[in-house]
PDB file of all heavy atoms in Angstrom:
ATOM      1  N   GLU A   1     -89.818-238.062 -44.075  1.00  0.00           N
ATOM      2  CA  GLU A   1     -89.323-239.117 -44.966  1.00  0.00           C
ATOM      3  C   GLU A   1     -87.822-239.017 -45.179  1.00  0.00           C
ATOM      4  O   GLU A   1     -87.183-240.010 -45.538  1.00  0.00           O
ATOM      5  CB  GLU A   1     -90.036-239.040 -46.320  1.00  0.00           C
ATOM      6  CG  GLU A   1     -91.522-239.374 -46.279  1.00  0.00           C
ATOM      7  CD  GLU A   1     -92.397-238.167 -45.993  1.00  0.00           C
ATOM      8  OE1 GLU A   1     -91.831-237.088 -45.665  1.00  0.00           O
ATOM      9  OE2 GLU A   1     -93.620-238.284 -46.109  1.00  0.00           O
ATOM     10  N   CYS A   2     -87.246-237.851 -44.959  1.00  0.00           N
ATOM     11  CA  CYS A   2     -85.813-237.654 -45.190  1.00  0.00           C
ATOM     12  C   CYS A   2     -84.951-238.385 -44.160  1.00  0.00           C
ATOM     13  O   CYS A   2     -83.725-238.473 -44.331  1.00  0.00           O
ATOM     14  CB  CYS A   2     -85.479-236.170 -45.204  1.00  0.00           C
ATOM     15  SG  CYS A   2     -86.258-235.264 -46.570  1.00  0.00           S
ATOM     16  N   GLN A   3     -85.566-238.889 -43.090  1.00  0.00           N
ATOM     17  CA  GLN A   3     -84.821-239.697 -42.130  1.00  0.00           C
ATOM     18  C   GLN A   3     -84.447-241.046 -42.718  1.00  0.00           C
ATOM     19  O   GLN A   3     -83.554-241.726 -42.205  1.00  0.00           O
ATOM     20  CB  GLN A   3     -85.633-239.888 -40.847  1.00  0.00           C
ATOM     21  CG  GLN A   3     -85.860-238.601 -40.068  1.00  0.00           C
ATOM     22  CD  GLN A   3     -84.562-237.949 -39.643  1.00  0.00           C
ATOM     23  OE1 GLN A   3     -83.658-238.595 -39.095  1.00  0.00           O
ATOM     24  NE2 GLN A   3     -84.442-236.649 -39.919  1.00  0.00           N
ATOM     25  N   ASN A   4     -85.120-241.444 -43.781  1.00  0.00           N
ATOM     26  CA  ASN A   4     -84.782-242.671 -44.497  1.00  0.00           C
ATOM     27  C   ASN A   4     -83.720-242.343 -45.533  1.00  0.00           C
ATOM     28  O   ASN A   4     -83.976-241.580 -46.464  1.00  0.00           O
ATOM     29  CB  ASN A   4     -86.021-243.235 -45.183  1.00  0.00           C
ATOM     30  CG  ASN A   4     -85.708-244.433 -46.068  1.00  0.00           C
ATOM     31  OD1 ASN A   4     -84.598-244.970 -46.041  1.00  0.00           O
ATOM     32  ND2 ASN A   4     -86.669-244.839 -46.863  1.00  0.00           N
ATOM     33  N   PRO A   5     -82.497-242.884 -45.393  1.00  0.00           N
ATOM     34  CA  PRO A   5     -81.414-242.504 -46.315  1.00  0.00           C
ATOM     35  C   PRO A   5     -81.749-242.765 -47.773  1.00  0.00           C
ATOM     36  O   PRO A   5     -81.213-242.105 -48.660  1.00  0.00           O
ATOM     37  CB  PRO A   5     -80.241-243.386 -45.850  1.00  0.00           C
ATOM     38  CG  PRO A   5     -80.554-243.756 -44.457  1.00  0.00           C
ATOM     39  CD  PRO A   5     -82.042-243.849 -44.377  1.00  0.00           C
ATOM     40  N   GLY A   6     -82.610-243.719 -48.049  1.00  0.00           N
ATOM     41  CA  GLY A   6     -82.936-244.052 -49.425  1.00  0.00           C
ATOM     42  C   GLY A   6     -84.136-243.322 -49.981  1.00  0.00           C
ATOM     43  O   GLY A   6     -84.571-243.602 -51.104  1.00  0.00           O
ATOM     44  N   ALA A   7     -84.680-242.366 -49.237  1.00  0.00           N
ATOM     45  CA  ALA A   7     -85.844-241.634 -49.734  1.00  0.00           C
ATOM     46  C   ALA A   7     -85.499-240.886 -51.013  1.00  0.00           C
ATOM     47  O   ALA A   7     -86.319-240.797 -51.934  1.00  0.00           O
ATOM     48  CB  ALA A   7     -86.357-240.668 -48.669  1.00  0.00           C
ATOM     49  N   CYS A   8     -84.307-240.331 -51.081  1.00  0.00           N
ATOM     50  CA  CYS A   8     -83.834-239.602 -52.266  1.00  0.00           C
ATOM     51  C   CYS A   8     -82.416-240.039 -52.591  1.00  0.00           C
ATOM     52  O   CYS A   8     -81.647-240.406 -51.699  1.00  0.00           O
ATOM     53  CB  CYS A   8     -83.851-238.095 -52.031  1.00  0.00           C
ATOM     54  SG  CYS A   8     -85.478-237.370 -51.768  1.00  0.00           S
ATOM     55  N   SER A   9     -82.078-239.967 -53.865  1.00  0.00           N
ATOM     56  CA  SER A   9     -80.705-240.247 -54.272  1.00  0.00           C
ATOM     57  C   SER A   9     -79.719-239.323 -53.574  1.00  0.00           C
ATOM     58  O   SER A   9     -78.679-239.760 -53.084  1.00  0.00           O
ATOM     59  CB  SER A   9     -80.548-240.056 -55.789  1.00  0.00           C
ATOM     60  OG  SER A   9     -81.049-241.133 -56.508  1.00  0.00           O
ATOM     61  N   GLN A  10     -80.055-238.037 -53.526  1.00  0.00           N
ATOM     62  CA  GLN A  10     -79.109-237.064 -53.011  1.00  0.00           C
ATOM     63  C   GLN A  10     -79.761-236.156 -51.968  1.00  0.00           C
ATOM     64  O   GLN A  10     -79.918-236.554 -50.828  1.00  0.00           O
ATOM     65  CB  GLN A  10     -78.491-236.289 -54.183  1.00  0.00           C
ATOM     66  CG  GLN A  10     -77.682-237.216 -55.102  1.00  0.00           C
ATOM     67  CD  GLN A  10     -76.982-236.517 -56.243  1.00  0.00           C
ATOM     68  OE1 GLN A  10     -77.196-235.347 -56.518  1.00  0.00           O
ATOM     69  NE2 GLN A  10     -76.115-237.243 -56.940  1.00  0.00           N
ATOM     70  N   THR A  11     -80.187-234.966 -52.335  1.00  0.00           N
ATOM     71  CA  THR A  11     -80.752-234.042 -51.361  1.00  0.00           C
ATOM     72  C   THR A  11     -82.232-234.319 -51.141  1.00  0.00           C
ATOM     73  O   THR A  11     -82.993-234.467 -52.095  1.00  0.00           O
ATOM     74  CB  THR A  11     -80.565-232.586 -51.823  1.00  0.00           C
ATOM     75  OG1 THR A  11     -79.175-232.321 -51.960  1.00  0.00           O
ATOM     76  CG2 THR A  11     -81.171-231.621 -50.819  1.00  0.00           C
ATOM     77  N   CYS A  12     -82.637-234.359 -49.876  1.00  0.00           N
ATOM     78  CA  CYS A  12     -84.038-234.593 -49.512  1.00  0.00           C
ATOM     79  C   CYS A  12     -84.519-233.401 -48.678  1.00  0.00           C
ATOM     80  O   CYS A  12     -83.864-233.013 -47.705  1.00  0.00           O
ATOM     81  CB  CYS A  12     -84.183-235.884 -48.721  1.00  0.00           C
ATOM     82  SG  CYS A  12     -85.887-236.289 -48.259  1.00  0.00           S
ATOM     83  N   ILE A  13     -85.650-232.830 -49.055  1.00  0.00           N
ATOM     84  CA  ILE A  13     -86.249-231.711 -48.323  1.00  0.00           C
ATOM     85  C   ILE A  13     -87.614-232.155 -47.814  1.00  0.00           C
ATOM     86  O   ILE A  13     -88.513-232.452 -48.604  1.00  0.00           O
ATOM     87  CB  ILE A  13     -86.391-230.470 -49.218  1.00  0.00           C
ATOM     88  CG1 ILE A  13     -85.012-230.026 -49.726  1.00  0.00           C
ATOM     89  CG2 ILE A  13     -87.069-229.334 -48.453  1.00  0.00           C
ATOM     90  CD1 ILE A  13     -85.068-228.881 -50.706  1.00  0.00           C
ATOM     91  N   ASN A  14     -87.752-232.221 -46.499  1.00  0.00           N
ATOM     92  CA  ASN A  14     -89.035-232.624 -45.933  1.00  0.00           C
ATOM     93  C   ASN A  14     -90.043-231.490 -46.020  1.00  0.00           C
ATOM     94  O   ASN A  14     -89.707-230.315 -45.810  1.00  0.00           O
ATOM     95  CB  ASN A  14     -88.856-233.044 -44.474  1.00  0.00           C
ATOM     96  CG  ASN A  14     -90.135-233.616 -43.891  1.00  0.00           C
ATOM     97  OD1 ASN A  14     -90.713-234.533 -44.449  1.00  0.00           O
ATOM     98  ND2 ASN A  14     -90.580-233.064 -42.777  1.00  0.00           N
ATOM     99  N   LYS A  15     -91.290-231.835 -46.336  1.00  0.00           N
ATOM    100  CA  LYS A  15     -92.393-230.891 -46.373  1.00  0.00           C
ATOM    101  C   LYS A  15     -93.555-231.477 -45.590  1.00  0.00           C
ATOM    102  O   LYS A  15     -93.564-232.673 -45.283  1.00  0.00           O
ATOM    103  CB  LYS A  15     -92.804-230.600 -47.823  1.00  0.00           C
ATOM    104  CG  LYS A  15     -91.722-229.923 -48.639  1.00  0.00           C
ATOM    105  CD  LYS A  15     -92.227-229.514 -50.007  1.00  0.00           C
ATOM    106  CE  LYS A  15     -91.177-228.705 -50.755  1.00  0.00           C
ATOM    107  NZ  LYS A  15     -91.685-228.236 -52.077  1.00  0.00           N
ATOM    108  N   VAL A  16     -94.520-230.642 -45.263  1.00  0.00           N
ATOM    109  CA  VAL A  16     -95.678-231.114 -44.496  1.00  0.00           C
ATOM    110  C   VAL A  16     -96.481-232.073 -45.368  1.00  0.00           C
ATOM    111  O   VAL A  16     -97.056-231.682 -46.380  1.00  0.00           O
ATOM    112  CB  VAL A  16     -96.557-229.940 -44.032  1.00  0.00           C
ATOM    113  CG1 VAL A  16     -97.774-230.465 -43.294  1.00  0.00           C
ATOM    114  CG2 VAL A  16     -95.755-228.999 -43.151  1.00  0.00           C
ATOM    115  N   GLY A  17     -96.474-233.331 -44.984  1.00  0.00           N
ATOM    116  CA  GLY A  17     -97.217-234.347 -45.703  1.00  0.00           C
ATOM    117  C   GLY A  17     -96.526-234.914 -46.917  1.00  0.00           C
ATOM    118  O   GLY A  17     -97.071-235.791 -47.583  1.00  0.00           O
ATOM    119  N   SER A  18     -95.342-234.453 -47.219  1.00  0.00           N
ATOM    120  CA  SER A  18     -94.640-234.944 -48.399  1.00  0.00           C
ATOM    121  C   SER A  18     -93.145-234.627 -48.270  1.00  0.00           C
ATOM    122  O   SER A  18     -92.681-234.192 -47.219  1.00  0.00           O
ATOM    123  CB  SER A  18     -95.209-234.312 -49.667  1.00  0.00           C
ATOM    124  OG  SER A  18     -94.965-232.921 -49.673  1.00  0.00           O
ATOM    125  N   TYR A  19     -92.408-234.837 -49.352  1.00  0.00           N
ATOM    126  CA  TYR A  19     -90.994-234.483 -49.384  1.00  0.00           C
ATOM    127  C   TYR A  19     -90.582-234.225 -50.826  1.00  0.00           C
ATOM    128  O   TYR A  19     -91.321-234.533 -51.771  1.00  0.00           O
ATOM    129  CB  TYR A  19     -90.126-235.580 -48.767  1.00  0.00           C
ATOM    130  CG  TYR A  19     -90.134-236.900 -49.519  1.00  0.00           C
ATOM    131  CD1 TYR A  19     -89.068-237.256 -50.336  1.00  0.00           C
ATOM    132  CD2 TYR A  19     -91.191-237.794 -49.391  1.00  0.00           C
ATOM    133  CE1 TYR A  19     -89.063-238.464 -51.021  1.00  0.00           C
ATOM    134  CE2 TYR A  19     -91.199-239.002 -50.071  1.00  0.00           C
ATOM    135  CZ  TYR A  19     -90.137-239.330 -50.880  1.00  0.00           C
ATOM    136  OH  TYR A  19     -90.128-240.516 -51.563  1.00  0.00           O
ATOM    137  N   GLU A  20     -89.408-233.653 -50.979  1.00  0.00           N
ATOM    138  CA  GLU A  20     -88.929-233.252 -52.292  1.00  0.00           C
ATOM    139  C   GLU A  20     -87.494-233.750 -52.472  1.00  0.00           C
ATOM    140  O   GLU A  20     -86.671-233.650 -51.568  1.00  0.00           O
ATOM    141  CB  GLU A  20     -88.981-231.724 -52.401  1.00  0.00           C
ATOM    142  CG  GLU A  20     -88.635-231.165 -53.755  1.00  0.00           C
ATOM    143  CD  GLU A  20     -88.770-229.650 -53.790  1.00  0.00           C
ATOM    144  OE1 GLU A  20     -89.036-229.055 -52.716  1.00  0.00           O
ATOM    145  OE2 GLU A  20     -88.594-229.071 -54.863  1.00  0.00           O
ATOM    146  N   CYS A  21     -87.206-234.294 -53.650  1.00  0.00           N
ATOM    147  CA  CYS A  21     -85.858-234.774 -53.966  1.00  0.00           C
ATOM    148  C   CYS A  21     -85.200-233.847 -54.988  1.00  0.00           C
ATOM    149  O   CYS A  21     -85.823-233.480 -55.990  1.00  0.00           O
ATOM    150  CB  CYS A  21     -85.916-236.192 -54.531  1.00  0.00           C
ATOM    151  SG  CYS A  21     -86.470-237.450 -53.364  1.00  0.00           S
ATOM    152  N   LEU A  22     -83.957-233.493 -54.720  1.00  0.00           N
ATOM    153  CA  LEU A  22     -83.192-232.636 -55.625  1.00  0.00           C
ATOM    154  C   LEU A  22     -81.856-233.300 -55.947  1.00  0.00           C
ATOM    155  O   LEU A  22     -81.331-234.089 -55.150  1.00  0.00           O
ATOM    156  CB  LEU A  22     -82.931-231.269 -54.996  1.00  0.00           C
ATOM    157  CG  LEU A  22     -84.161-230.448 -54.581  1.00  0.00           C
ATOM    158  CD1 LEU A  22     -83.708-229.179 -53.877  1.00  0.00           C
ATOM    159  CD2 LEU A  22     -85.017-230.113 -55.792  1.00  0.00           C
ATOM    160  N   CYS A  23     -81.325-232.967 -57.102  1.00  0.00           N
ATOM    161  CA  CYS A  23     -80.023-233.483 -57.507  1.00  0.00           C
ATOM    162  C   CYS A  23     -78.967-232.397 -57.368  1.00  0.00           C
ATOM    163  O   CYS A  23     -79.239-231.213 -57.565  1.00  0.00           O
ATOM    164  CB  CYS A  23     -80.065-233.963 -58.961  1.00  0.00           C
ATOM    165  SG  CYS A  23     -81.124-235.400 -59.225  1.00  0.00           S
ATOM    166  N   HIS A  24     -77.737-232.797 -57.055  1.00  0.00           N
ATOM    167  CA  HIS A  24     -76.620-231.875 -56.973  1.00  0.00           C
ATOM    168  C   HIS A  24     -76.190-231.422 -58.366  1.00  0.00           C
ATOM    169  O   HIS A  24     -76.550-232.034 -59.376  1.00  0.00           O
ATOM    170  CB  HIS A  24     -75.434-232.544 -56.273  1.00  0.00           C
ATOM    171  CG  HIS A  24     -75.704-232.864 -54.842  1.00  0.00           C
ATOM    172  ND1 HIS A  24     -74.758-233.438 -54.024  1.00  0.00           N
ATOM    173  CD2 HIS A  24     -76.802-232.713 -54.077  1.00  0.00           C
ATOM    174  CE1 HIS A  24     -75.260-233.619 -52.819  1.00  0.00           C
ATOM    175  NE2 HIS A  24     -76.498-233.183 -52.832  1.00  0.00           N
TER     176      HIS A  24
END
């Protein structure tokens, strides 16, 4: 999902079957 620039506001971490968004 992190290949989509809009998946997260800032940092995107791909996981198996999901993803995680983090802020700076």
